[in-house]
Amino acid sequence: MANEELLDKVMSEDELELVAGGAGYAYFLKRPDGKYDIVSATDKLTPAQVKGILAGEPPARLGIAKSIRTNFNVGIDANRLDAVRQRLNKLYNGCTFQYM
């Protein structure tokens, strides 16, 4: 098989994510006091949805499907972020991190 044929058979990152499943998304928001609020979910969220979850809005009101699980933690010290990232990677079997 030629290199071009092999490359055509390689899955894109999005295709691999759909097949592998379990990947999560985590959003880190830095507060003025230096601590972090973290929202994690089983699917991508918009910045407005992340902020709405932290404000206590019901996920359905934010347009988040019932099939999407969300969790949040508030007031996490910066020195604990590595441990939180490790836990989220384990929880979701891989996680994409975004700082907002």
PDB file of N, CA and C in Angstrom:
ATOM      1  N   MET A   1       0.846  -1.184   0.000  1.00  0.00           N
ATOM      2  CA  MET A   1       0.000   0.000   0.000  1.00  0.00           C
ATOM      3  C   MET A   1       0.890   1.247   0.000  1.00  0.00           C
ATOM      4  N   ALA A   2       0.562   2.192  -0.803  1.00  0.00           N
ATOM      5  CA  ALA A   2       1.338   3.427  -0.890  1.00  0.00           C
ATOM      6  C   ALA A   2       1.024   4.312   0.309  1.00  0.00           C
ATOM      7  N   ASN A   3       1.934   5.234   0.592  1.00  0.00           N
ATOM      8  CA  ASN A   3       1.741   6.148   1.725  1.00  0.00           C
ATOM      9  C   ASN A   3       0.438   6.929   1.623  1.00  0.00           C
ATOM     10  N   GLU A   4       0.076   7.357   0.401  1.00  0.00           N
ATOM     11  CA  GLU A   4      -1.164   8.120   0.225  1.00  0.00           C
ATOM     12  C   GLU A   4      -2.382   7.282   0.603  1.00  0.00           C
ATOM     13  N   GLU A   5      -2.351   5.987   0.249  1.00  0.00           N
ATOM     14  CA  GLU A   5      -3.470   5.106   0.589  1.00  0.00           C
ATOM     15  C   GLU A   5      -3.580   4.927   2.099  1.00  0.00           C
ATOM     16  N   LEU A   6      -2.452   4.808   2.769  1.00  0.00           N
ATOM     17  CA  LEU A   6      -2.467   4.681   4.230  1.00  0.00           C
ATOM     18  C   LEU A   6      -3.016   5.929   4.890  1.00  0.00           C
ATOM     19  N   LEU A   7      -2.584   7.086   4.397  1.00  0.00           N
ATOM     20  CA  LEU A   7      -3.055   8.340   4.977  1.00  0.00           C
ATOM     21  C   LEU A   7      -4.559   8.512   4.778  1.00  0.00           C
ATOM     22  N   ASP A   8      -5.085   8.016   3.640  1.00  0.00           N
ATOM     23  CA  ASP A   8      -6.525   8.106   3.400  1.00  0.00           C
ATOM     24  C   ASP A   8      -7.317   7.254   4.384  1.00  0.00           C
ATOM     25  N   LYS A   9      -6.691   6.202   4.911  1.00  0.00           N
ATOM     26  CA  LYS A   9      -7.375   5.293   5.823  1.00  0.00           C
ATOM     27  C   LYS A   9      -7.261   5.712   7.286  1.00  0.00           C
ATOM     28  N   VAL A  10      -6.407   6.682   7.582  1.00  0.00           N
ATOM     29  CA  VAL A  10      -6.227   7.156   8.949  1.00  0.00           C
ATOM     30  C   VAL A  10      -7.431   7.995   9.349  1.00  0.00           C
ATOM     31  N   MET A  11      -7.946   7.743  10.566  1.00  0.00           N
ATOM     32  CA  MET A  11      -9.096   8.501  11.059  1.00  0.00           C
ATOM     33  C   MET A  11      -8.677   9.897  11.475  1.00  0.00           C
ATOM     34  N   SER A  12      -9.583  10.836  11.254  1.00  0.00           N
ATOM     35  CA  SER A  12      -9.346  12.187  11.747  1.00  0.00           C
ATOM     36  C   SER A  12      -9.531  12.172  13.258  1.00  0.00           C
ATOM     37  N   GLU A  13      -9.123  13.239  13.915  1.00  0.00           N
ATOM     38  CA  GLU A  13      -9.283  13.329  15.371  1.00  0.00           C
ATOM     39  C   GLU A  13     -10.752  13.250  15.771  1.00  0.00           C
ATOM     40  N   ASP A  14     -11.631  13.906  15.007  1.00  0.00           N
ATOM     41  CA  ASP A  14     -13.067  13.874  15.314  1.00  0.00           C
ATOM     42  C   ASP A  14     -13.642  12.471  15.144  1.00  0.00           C
ATOM     43  N   GLU A  15     -13.241  11.769  14.073  1.00  0.00           N
ATOM     44  CA  GLU A  15     -13.724  10.406  13.856  1.00  0.00           C
ATOM     45  C   GLU A  15     -13.255   9.479  14.973  1.00  0.00           C
ATOM     46  N   LEU A  16     -12.006   9.612  15.357  1.00  0.00           N
ATOM     47  CA  LEU A  16     -11.458   8.784  16.423  1.00  0.00           C
ATOM     48  C   LEU A  16     -12.192   9.034  17.735  1.00  0.00           C
ATOM     49  N   GLU A  17     -12.500  10.287  18.009  1.00  0.00           N
ATOM     50  CA  GLU A  17     -13.214  10.633  19.234  1.00  0.00           C
ATOM     51  C   GLU A  17     -14.604  10.005  19.260  1.00  0.00           C
ATOM     52  N   LEU A  18     -15.278   9.985  18.103  1.00  0.00           N
ATOM     53  CA  LEU A  18     -16.601   9.370  18.040  1.00  0.00           C
ATOM     54  C   LEU A  18     -16.524   7.867  18.273  1.00  0.00           C
ATOM     55  N   VAL A  19     -15.513   7.219  17.734  1.00  0.00           N
ATOM     56  CA  VAL A  19     -15.362   5.778  17.883  1.00  0.00           C
ATOM     57  C   VAL A  19     -14.920   5.425  19.294  1.00  0.00           C
ATOM     58  N   ALA A  20     -13.920   6.140  19.805  1.00  0.00           N
ATOM     59  CA  ALA A  20     -13.370   5.828  21.126  1.00  0.00           C
ATOM     60  C   ALA A  20     -14.351   6.182  22.239  1.00  0.00           C
ATOM     61  N   GLY A  21     -15.070   7.261  22.071  1.00  0.00           N
ATOM     62  CA  GLY A  21     -16.024   7.690  23.084  1.00  0.00           C
ATOM     63  C   GLY A  21     -15.347   8.040  24.400  1.00  0.00           C
ATOM     64  N   GLY A  22     -16.128   8.488  25.344  1.00  0.00           N
ATOM     65  CA  GLY A  22     -15.610   8.736  26.675  1.00  0.00           C
ATOM     66  C   GLY A  22     -14.832  10.021  26.855  1.00  0.00           C
ATOM     67  N   ALA A  23     -14.475  10.689  25.788  1.00  0.00           N
ATOM     68  CA  ALA A  23     -13.691  11.908  25.934  1.00  0.00           C
ATOM     69  C   ALA A  23     -14.561  13.014  26.523  1.00  0.00           C
ATOM     70  N   GLY A  24     -13.985  13.772  27.440  1.00  0.00           N
ATOM     71  CA  GLY A  24     -14.712  14.858  28.075  1.00  0.00           C
ATOM     72  C   GLY A  24     -14.099  16.200  27.746  1.00  0.00           C
ATOM     73  N   TYR A  25     -14.732  17.220  28.237  1.00  0.00           N
ATOM     74  CA  TYR A  25     -14.289  18.597  28.027  1.00  0.00           C
ATOM     75  C   TYR A  25     -14.314  19.292  29.381  1.00  0.00           C
ATOM     76  N   ALA A  26     -13.261  20.043  29.674  1.00  0.00           N
ATOM     77  CA  ALA A  26     -13.192  20.776  30.937  1.00  0.00           C
ATOM     78  C   ALA A  26     -12.843  22.230  30.654  1.00  0.00           C
ATOM     79  N   TYR A  27     -13.533  23.118  31.325  1.00  0.00           N
ATOM     80  CA  TYR A  27     -13.371  24.558  31.132  1.00  0.00           C
ATOM     81  C   TYR A  27     -12.939  25.177  32.459  1.00  0.00           C
ATOM     82  N   PHE A  28     -11.813  25.888  32.431  1.00  0.00           N
ATOM     83  CA  PHE A  28     -11.232  26.494  33.621  1.00  0.00           C
ATOM     84  C   PHE A  28     -11.413  28.003  33.528  1.00  0.00           C
ATOM     85  N   LEU A  29     -12.051  28.578  34.513  1.00  0.00           N
ATOM     86  CA  LEU A  29     -12.236  30.024  34.578  1.00  0.00           C
ATOM     87  C   LEU A  29     -11.489  30.551  35.788  1.00  0.00           C
ATOM     88  N   LYS A  30     -10.531  31.440  35.554  1.00  0.00           N
ATOM     89  CA  LYS A  30      -9.747  32.006  36.652  1.00  0.00           C
ATOM     90  C   LYS A  30     -10.517  33.155  37.294  1.00  0.00           C
ATOM     91  N   ARG A  31     -10.594  33.105  38.602  1.00  0.00           N
ATOM     92  CA  ARG A  31     -11.286  34.144  39.356  1.00  0.00           C
ATOM     93  C   ARG A  31     -10.307  35.243  39.757  1.00  0.00           C
ATOM     94  N   PRO A  32     -10.818  36.421  40.127  1.00  0.00           N
ATOM     95  CA  PRO A  32      -9.933  37.511  40.549  1.00  0.00           C
ATOM     96  C   PRO A  32      -9.059  37.159  41.758  1.00  0.00           C
ATOM     97  N   ASP A  33      -9.526  36.222  42.601  1.00  0.00           N
ATOM     98  CA  ASP A  33      -8.737  35.854  43.779  1.00  0.00           C
ATOM     99  C   ASP A  33      -7.654  34.814  43.460  1.00  0.00           C
ATOM    100  N   GLY A  34      -7.497  34.445  42.165  1.00  0.00           N
ATOM    101  CA  GLY A  34      -6.466  33.497  41.748  1.00  0.00           C
ATOM    102  C   GLY A  34      -6.908  32.045  41.760  1.00  0.00           C
ATOM    103  N   LYS A  35      -8.101  31.779  42.272  1.00  0.00           N
ATOM    104  CA  LYS A  35      -8.623  30.417  42.275  1.00  0.00           C
ATOM    105  C   LYS A  35      -9.357  30.157  40.958  1.00  0.00           C
ATOM    106  N   TYR A  36      -9.717  28.898  40.734  1.00  0.00           N
ATOM    107  CA  TYR A  36     -10.371  28.515  39.493  1.00  0.00           C
ATOM    108  C   TYR A  36     -11.727  27.876  39.746  1.00  0.00           C
ATOM    109  N   ASP A  37     -12.657  28.166  38.853  1.00  0.00           N
ATOM    110  CA  ASP A  37     -13.928  27.463  38.788  1.00  0.00           C
ATOM    111  C   ASP A  37     -13.828  26.567  37.560  1.00  0.00           C
ATOM    112  N   ILE A  38     -14.260  25.324  37.694  1.00  0.00           N
ATOM    113  CA  ILE A  38     -14.097  24.348  36.623  1.00  0.00           C
ATOM    114  C   ILE A  38     -15.436  23.702  36.314  1.00  0.00           C
ATOM    115  N   VAL A  39     -15.779  23.678  35.035  1.00  0.00           N
ATOM    116  CA  VAL A  39     -16.963  22.968  34.561  1.00  0.00           C
ATOM    117  C   VAL A  39     -16.467  21.876  33.629  1.00  0.00           C
ATOM    118  N   SER A  40     -16.969  20.653  33.826  1.00  0.00           N
ATOM    119  CA  SER A  40     -16.627  19.564  32.919  1.00  0.00           C
ATOM    120  C   SER A  40     -17.916  18.985  32.346  1.00  0.00           C
ATOM    121  N   ALA A  41     -17.798  18.401  31.147  1.00  0.00           N
ATOM    122  CA  ALA A  41     -18.980  17.870  30.469  1.00  0.00           C
ATOM    123  C   ALA A  41     -18.581  16.750  29.513  1.00  0.00           C
ATOM    124  N   THR A  42     -19.569  15.971  29.118  1.00  0.00           N
ATOM    125  CA  THR A  42     -19.335  14.890  28.171  1.00  0.00           C
ATOM    126  C   THR A  42     -19.419  15.357  26.730  1.00  0.00           C
ATOM    127  N   ASP A  43     -19.682  16.640  26.508  1.00  0.00           N
ATOM    128  CA  ASP A  43     -19.719  17.210  25.159  1.00  0.00           C
ATOM    129  C   ASP A  43     -19.257  18.662  25.249  1.00  0.00           C
ATOM    130  N   LYS A  44     -18.955  19.239  24.096  1.00  0.00           N
ATOM    131  CA  LYS A  44     -18.487  20.627  24.070  1.00  0.00           C
ATOM    132  C   LYS A  44     -19.593  21.573  24.540  1.00  0.00           C
ATOM    133  N   LEU A  45     -19.176  22.615  25.235  1.00  0.00           N
ATOM    134  CA  LEU A  45     -20.094  23.657  25.694  1.00  0.00           C
ATOM    135  C   LEU A  45     -19.624  25.006  25.174  1.00  0.00           C
ATOM    136  N   THR A  46     -20.545  25.940  25.084  1.00  0.00           N
ATOM    137  CA  THR A  46     -20.187  27.303  24.709  1.00  0.00           C
ATOM    138  C   THR A  46     -19.768  28.060  25.969  1.00  0.00           C
ATOM    139  N   PRO A  47     -19.059  29.177  25.815  1.00  0.00           N
ATOM    140  CA  PRO A  47     -18.724  29.980  26.997  1.00  0.00           C
ATOM    141  C   PRO A  47     -19.967  30.418  27.783  1.00  0.00           C
ATOM    142  N   ALA A  48     -21.053  30.735  27.091  1.00  0.00           N
ATOM    143  CA  ALA A  48     -22.282  31.143  27.779  1.00  0.00           C
ATOM    144  C   ALA A  48     -22.862  29.984  28.591  1.00  0.00           C
ATOM    145  N   GLN A  49     -22.788  28.775  28.069  1.00  0.00           N
ATOM    146  CA  GLN A  49     -23.290  27.616  28.805  1.00  0.00           C
ATOM    147  C   GLN A  49     -22.444  27.356  30.051  1.00  0.00           C
ATOM    148  N   VAL A  50     -21.130  27.479  29.909  1.00  0.00           N
ATOM    149  CA  VAL A  50     -20.228  27.274  31.045  1.00  0.00           C
ATOM    150  C   VAL A  50     -20.542  28.284  32.146  1.00  0.00           C
ATOM    151  N   LYS A  51     -20.650  29.544  31.776  1.00  0.00           N
ATOM    152  CA  LYS A  51     -20.938  30.586  32.761  1.00  0.00           C
ATOM    153  C   LYS A  51     -22.328  30.410  33.364  1.00  0.00           C
ATOM    154  N   GLY A  52     -23.280  29.948  32.563  1.00  0.00           N
ATOM    155  CA  GLY A  52     -24.619  29.700  33.064  1.00  0.00           C
ATOM    156  C   GLY A  52     -24.651  28.584  34.097  1.00  0.00           C
ATOM    157  N   ILE A  53     -23.903  27.521  33.855  1.00  0.00           N
ATOM    158  CA  ILE A  53     -23.823  26.421  34.821  1.00  0.00           C
ATOM    159  C   ILE A  53     -23.263  26.934  36.141  1.00  0.00           C
ATOM    160  N   LEU A  54     -22.204  27.729  36.062  1.00  0.00           N
ATOM    161  CA  LEU A  54     -21.600  28.267  37.285  1.00  0.00           C
ATOM    162  C   LEU A  54     -22.533  29.226  38.012  1.00  0.00           C
ATOM    163  N   ALA A  55     -23.430  29.862  37.264  1.00  0.00           N
ATOM    164  CA  ALA A  55     -24.393  30.789  37.871  1.00  0.00           C
ATOM    165  C   ALA A  55     -25.604  30.051  38.442  1.00  0.00           C
ATOM    166  N   GLY A  56     -25.657  28.723  38.247  1.00  0.00           N
ATOM    167  CA  GLY A  56     -26.752  27.949  38.803  1.00  0.00           C
ATOM    168  C   GLY A  56     -27.940  27.732  37.884  1.00  0.00           C
ATOM    169  N   GLU A  57     -27.784  28.085  36.614  1.00  0.00           N
ATOM    170  CA  GLU A  57     -28.872  27.881  35.652  1.00  0.00           C
ATOM    171  C   GLU A  57     -29.059  26.395  35.379  1.00  0.00           C
ATOM    172  N   PRO A  58     -30.288  25.933  35.216  1.00  0.00           N
ATOM    173  CA  PRO A  58     -30.526  24.535  34.839  1.00  0.00           C
ATOM    174  C   PRO A  58     -29.980  24.272  33.430  1.00  0.00           C
ATOM    175  N   PRO A  59     -29.310  23.144  33.226  1.00  0.00           N
ATOM    176  CA  PRO A  59     -28.741  22.849  31.904  1.00  0.00           C
ATOM    177  C   PRO A  59     -29.767  22.926  30.772  1.00  0.00           C
ATOM    178  N   ALA A  60     -31.001  22.468  30.999  1.00  0.00           N
ATOM    179  CA  ALA A  60     -32.018  22.499  29.939  1.00  0.00           C
ATOM    180  C   ALA A  60     -32.304  23.929  29.484  1.00  0.00           C
ATOM    181  N   ARG A  61     -32.278  24.873  30.416  1.00  0.00           N
ATOM    182  CA  ARG A  61     -32.526  26.272  30.081  1.00  0.00           C
ATOM    183  C   ARG A  61     -31.372  26.865  29.256  1.00  0.00           C
ATOM    184  N   LEU A  62     -30.202  26.246  29.376  1.00  0.00           N
ATOM    185  CA  LEU A  62     -29.022  26.713  28.639  1.00  0.00           C
ATOM    186  C   LEU A  62     -28.881  26.024  27.283  1.00  0.00           C
ATOM    187  N   GLY A  63     -29.833  25.170  26.939  1.00  0.00           N
ATOM    188  CA  GLY A  63     -29.779  24.459  25.664  1.00  0.00           C
ATOM    189  C   GLY A  63     -28.869  23.245  25.691  1.00  0.00           C
ATOM    190  N   ILE A  64     -28.602  22.705  26.872  1.00  0.00           N
ATOM    191  CA  ILE A  64     -27.752  21.526  27.005  1.00  0.00           C
ATOM    192  C   ILE A  64     -28.657  20.296  27.046  1.00  0.00           C
ATOM    193  N   ALA A  65     -28.430  19.367  26.124  1.00  0.00           N
ATOM    194  CA  ALA A  65     -29.250  18.159  26.031  1.00  0.00           C
ATOM    195  C   ALA A  65     -29.146  17.326  27.308  1.00  0.00           C
ATOM    196  N   LYS A  66     -30.206  16.590  27.614  1.00  0.00           N
ATOM    197  CA  LYS A  66     -30.228  15.741  28.808  1.00  0.00           C
ATOM    198  C   LYS A  66     -29.150  14.660  28.754  1.00  0.00           C
ATOM    199  N   SER A  67     -28.738  14.280  27.549  1.00  0.00           N
ATOM    200  CA  SER A  67     -27.736  13.226  27.398  1.00  0.00           C
ATOM    201  C   SER A  67     -26.328  13.692  27.775  1.00  0.00           C
ATOM    202  N   ILE A  68     -26.137  15.003  27.933  1.00  0.00           N
ATOM    203  CA  ILE A  68     -24.825  15.561  28.274  1.00  0.00           C
ATOM    204  C   ILE A  68     -24.725  15.714  29.789  1.00  0.00           C
ATOM    205  N   ARG A  69     -23.764  15.010  30.376  1.00  0.00           N
ATOM    206  CA  ARG A  69     -23.523  15.123  31.822  1.00  0.00           C
ATOM    207  C   ARG A  69     -22.591  16.299  32.078  1.00  0.00           C
ATOM    208  N   THR A  70     -22.898  17.083  33.087  1.00  0.00           N
ATOM    209  CA  THR A  70     -22.029  18.198  33.474  1.00  0.00           C
ATOM    210  C   THR A  70     -21.711  18.099  34.956  1.00  0.00           C
ATOM    211  N   ASN A  71     -20.534  18.592  35.319  1.00  0.00           N
ATOM    212  CA  ASN A  71     -20.103  18.689  36.716  1.00  0.00           C
ATOM    213  C   ASN A  71     -19.390  20.023  36.874  1.00  0.00           C
ATOM    214  N   PHE A  72     -19.344  20.521  38.096  1.00  0.00           N
ATOM    215  CA  PHE A  72     -18.571  21.741  38.317  1.00  0.00           C
ATOM    216  C   PHE A  72     -17.941  21.726  39.694  1.00  0.00           C
ATOM    217  N   ASN A  73     -16.834  22.430  39.792  1.00  0.00           N
ATOM    218  CA  ASN A  73     -16.113  22.645  41.053  1.00  0.00           C
ATOM    219  C   ASN A  73     -15.755  24.113  41.103  1.00  0.00           C
ATOM    220  N   VAL A  74     -15.901  24.719  42.256  1.00  0.00           N
ATOM    221  CA  VAL A  74     -15.591  26.142  42.382  1.00  0.00           C
ATOM    222  C   VAL A  74     -14.525  26.356  43.447  1.00  0.00           C
ATOM    223  N   GLY A  75     -13.736  27.395  43.244  1.00  0.00           N
ATOM    224  CA  GLY A  75     -12.739  27.795  44.233  1.00  0.00           C
ATOM    225  C   GLY A  75     -11.561  26.845  44.362  1.00  0.00           C
ATOM    226  N   ILE A  76     -11.109  26.288  43.255  1.00  0.00           N
ATOM    227  CA  ILE A  76      -9.978  25.363  43.280  1.00  0.00           C
ATOM    228  C   ILE A  76      -8.674  26.165  43.274  1.00  0.00           C
ATOM    229  N   ASP A  77      -7.783  25.864  44.206  1.00  0.00           N
ATOM    230  CA  ASP A  77      -6.481  26.531  44.249  1.00  0.00           C
ATOM    231  C   ASP A  77      -5.647  26.160  43.030  1.00  0.00           C
ATOM    232  N   ALA A  78      -4.866  27.107  42.544  1.00  0.00           N
ATOM    233  CA  ALA A  78      -4.044  26.893  41.354  1.00  0.00           C
ATOM    234  C   ALA A  78      -3.079  25.725  41.538  1.00  0.00           C
ATOM    235  N   ASN A  79      -2.583  25.510  42.751  1.00  0.00           N
ATOM    236  CA  ASN A  79      -1.631  24.418  42.973  1.00  0.00           C
ATOM    237  C   ASN A  79      -2.287  23.042  42.914  1.00  0.00           C
ATOM    238  N   ARG A  80      -3.599  22.969  42.829  1.00  0.00           N
ATOM    239  CA  ARG A  80      -4.312  21.686  42.726  1.00  0.00           C
ATOM    240  C   ARG A  80      -4.759  21.376  41.303  1.00  0.00           C
ATOM    241  N   LEU A  81      -4.455  22.261  40.342  1.00  0.00           N
ATOM    242  CA  LEU A  81      -4.947  22.067  38.978  1.00  0.00           C
ATOM    243  C   LEU A  81      -4.410  20.803  38.325  1.00  0.00           C
ATOM    244  N   ASP A  82      -3.142  20.459  38.572  1.00  0.00           N
ATOM    245  CA  ASP A  82      -2.596  19.234  37.983  1.00  0.00           C
ATOM    246  C   ASP A  82      -3.367  18.013  38.463  1.00  0.00           C
ATOM    247  N   ALA A  83      -3.661  17.947  39.741  1.00  0.00           N
ATOM    248  CA  ALA A  83      -4.419  16.822  40.287  1.00  0.00           C
ATOM    249  C   ALA A  83      -5.831  16.778  39.701  1.00  0.00           C
ATOM    250  N   VAL A  84      -6.443  17.941  39.517  1.00  0.00           N
ATOM    251  CA  VAL A  84      -7.785  18.002  38.936  1.00  0.00           C
ATOM    252  C   VAL A  84      -7.747  17.529  37.489  1.00  0.00           C
ATOM    253  N   ARG A  85      -6.755  17.962  36.722  1.00  0.00           N
ATOM    254  CA  ARG A  85      -6.625  17.522  35.328  1.00  0.00           C
ATOM    255  C   ARG A  85      -6.455  16.002  35.247  1.00  0.00           C
ATOM    256  N   GLN A  86      -5.640  15.439  36.120  1.00  0.00           N
ATOM    257  CA  GLN A  86      -5.445  13.983  36.140  1.00  0.00           C
ATOM    258  C   GLN A  86      -6.757  13.261  36.454  1.00  0.00           C
ATOM    259  N   ARG A  87      -7.497  13.776  37.433  1.00  0.00           N
ATOM    260  CA  ARG A  87      -8.771  13.163  37.807  1.00  0.00           C
ATOM    261  C   ARG A  87      -9.770  13.228  36.653  1.00  0.00           C
ATOM    262  N   LEU A  88      -9.813  14.378  35.969  1.00  0.00           N
ATOM    263  CA  LEU A  88     -10.741  14.528  34.847  1.00  0.00           C
ATOM    264  C   LEU A  88     -10.358  13.616  33.684  1.00  0.00           C
ATOM    265  N   ASN A  89      -9.057  13.480  33.423  1.00  0.00           N
ATOM    266  CA  ASN A  89      -8.614  12.556  32.373  1.00  0.00           C
ATOM    267  C   ASN A  89      -9.049  11.134  32.682  1.00  0.00           C
ATOM    268  N   LYS A  90      -8.953  10.756  33.931  1.00  0.00           N
ATOM    269  CA  LYS A  90      -9.360   9.413  34.343  1.00  0.00           C
ATOM    270  C   LYS A  90     -10.880   9.263  34.280  1.00  0.00           C
ATOM    271  N   LEU A  91     -11.596  10.248  34.753  1.00  0.00           N
ATOM    272  CA  LEU A  91     -13.059  10.213  34.772  1.00  0.00           C
ATOM    273  C   LEU A  91     -13.644  10.075  33.369  1.00  0.00           C
ATOM    274  N   TYR A  92     -13.120  10.863  32.421  1.00  0.00           N
ATOM    275  CA  TYR A  92     -13.666  10.890  31.066  1.00  0.00           C
ATOM    276  C   TYR A  92     -12.889  10.017  30.082  1.00  0.00           C
ATOM    277  N   ASN A  93     -11.882   9.302  30.573  1.00  0.00           N
ATOM    278  CA  ASN A  93     -11.046   8.496  29.687  1.00  0.00           C
ATOM    279  C   ASN A  93     -10.419   9.381  28.613  1.00  0.00           C
ATOM    280  N   GLY A  94      -9.912  10.517  29.054  1.00  0.00           N
ATOM    281  CA  GLY A  94      -9.337  11.522  28.163  1.00  0.00           C
ATOM    282  C   GLY A  94     -10.169  12.777  28.227  1.00  0.00           C
ATOM    283  N   CYS A  95      -9.526  13.907  28.252  1.00  0.00           N
ATOM    284  CA  CYS A  95     -10.259  15.154  28.425  1.00  0.00           C
ATOM    285  C   CYS A  95      -9.551  16.288  27.680  1.00  0.00           C
ATOM    286  N   THR A  96     -10.332  17.154  27.074  1.00  0.00           N
ATOM    287  CA  THR A  96      -9.814  18.358  26.431  1.00  0.00           C
ATOM    288  C   THR A  96      -9.984  19.513  27.407  1.00  0.00           C
ATOM    289  N   PHE A  97      -8.911  20.247  27.639  1.00  0.00           N
ATOM    290  CA  PHE A  97      -8.938  21.341  28.611  1.00  0.00           C
ATOM    291  C   PHE A  97      -8.929  22.688  27.897  1.00  0.00           C
ATOM    292  N   GLN A  98      -9.754  23.605  28.395  1.00  0.00           N
ATOM    293  CA  GLN A  98      -9.804  24.947  27.822  1.00  0.00           C
ATOM    294  C   GLN A  98      -9.833  25.958  28.957  1.00  0.00           C
ATOM    295  N   TYR A  99      -8.950  26.950  28.854  1.00  0.00           N
ATOM    296  CA  TYR A  99      -8.914  28.031  29.842  1.00  0.00           C
ATOM    297  C   TYR A  99      -9.643  29.226  29.259  1.00  0.00           C
ATOM    298  N   MET A 100     -10.567  29.757  30.025  1.00  0.00           N
ATOM    299  CA  MET A 100     -11.399  30.875  29.549  1.00  0.00           C
ATOM    300  C   MET A 100     -11.083  32.118  30.365  1.00  0.00           C
TER     301      MET A 100
END
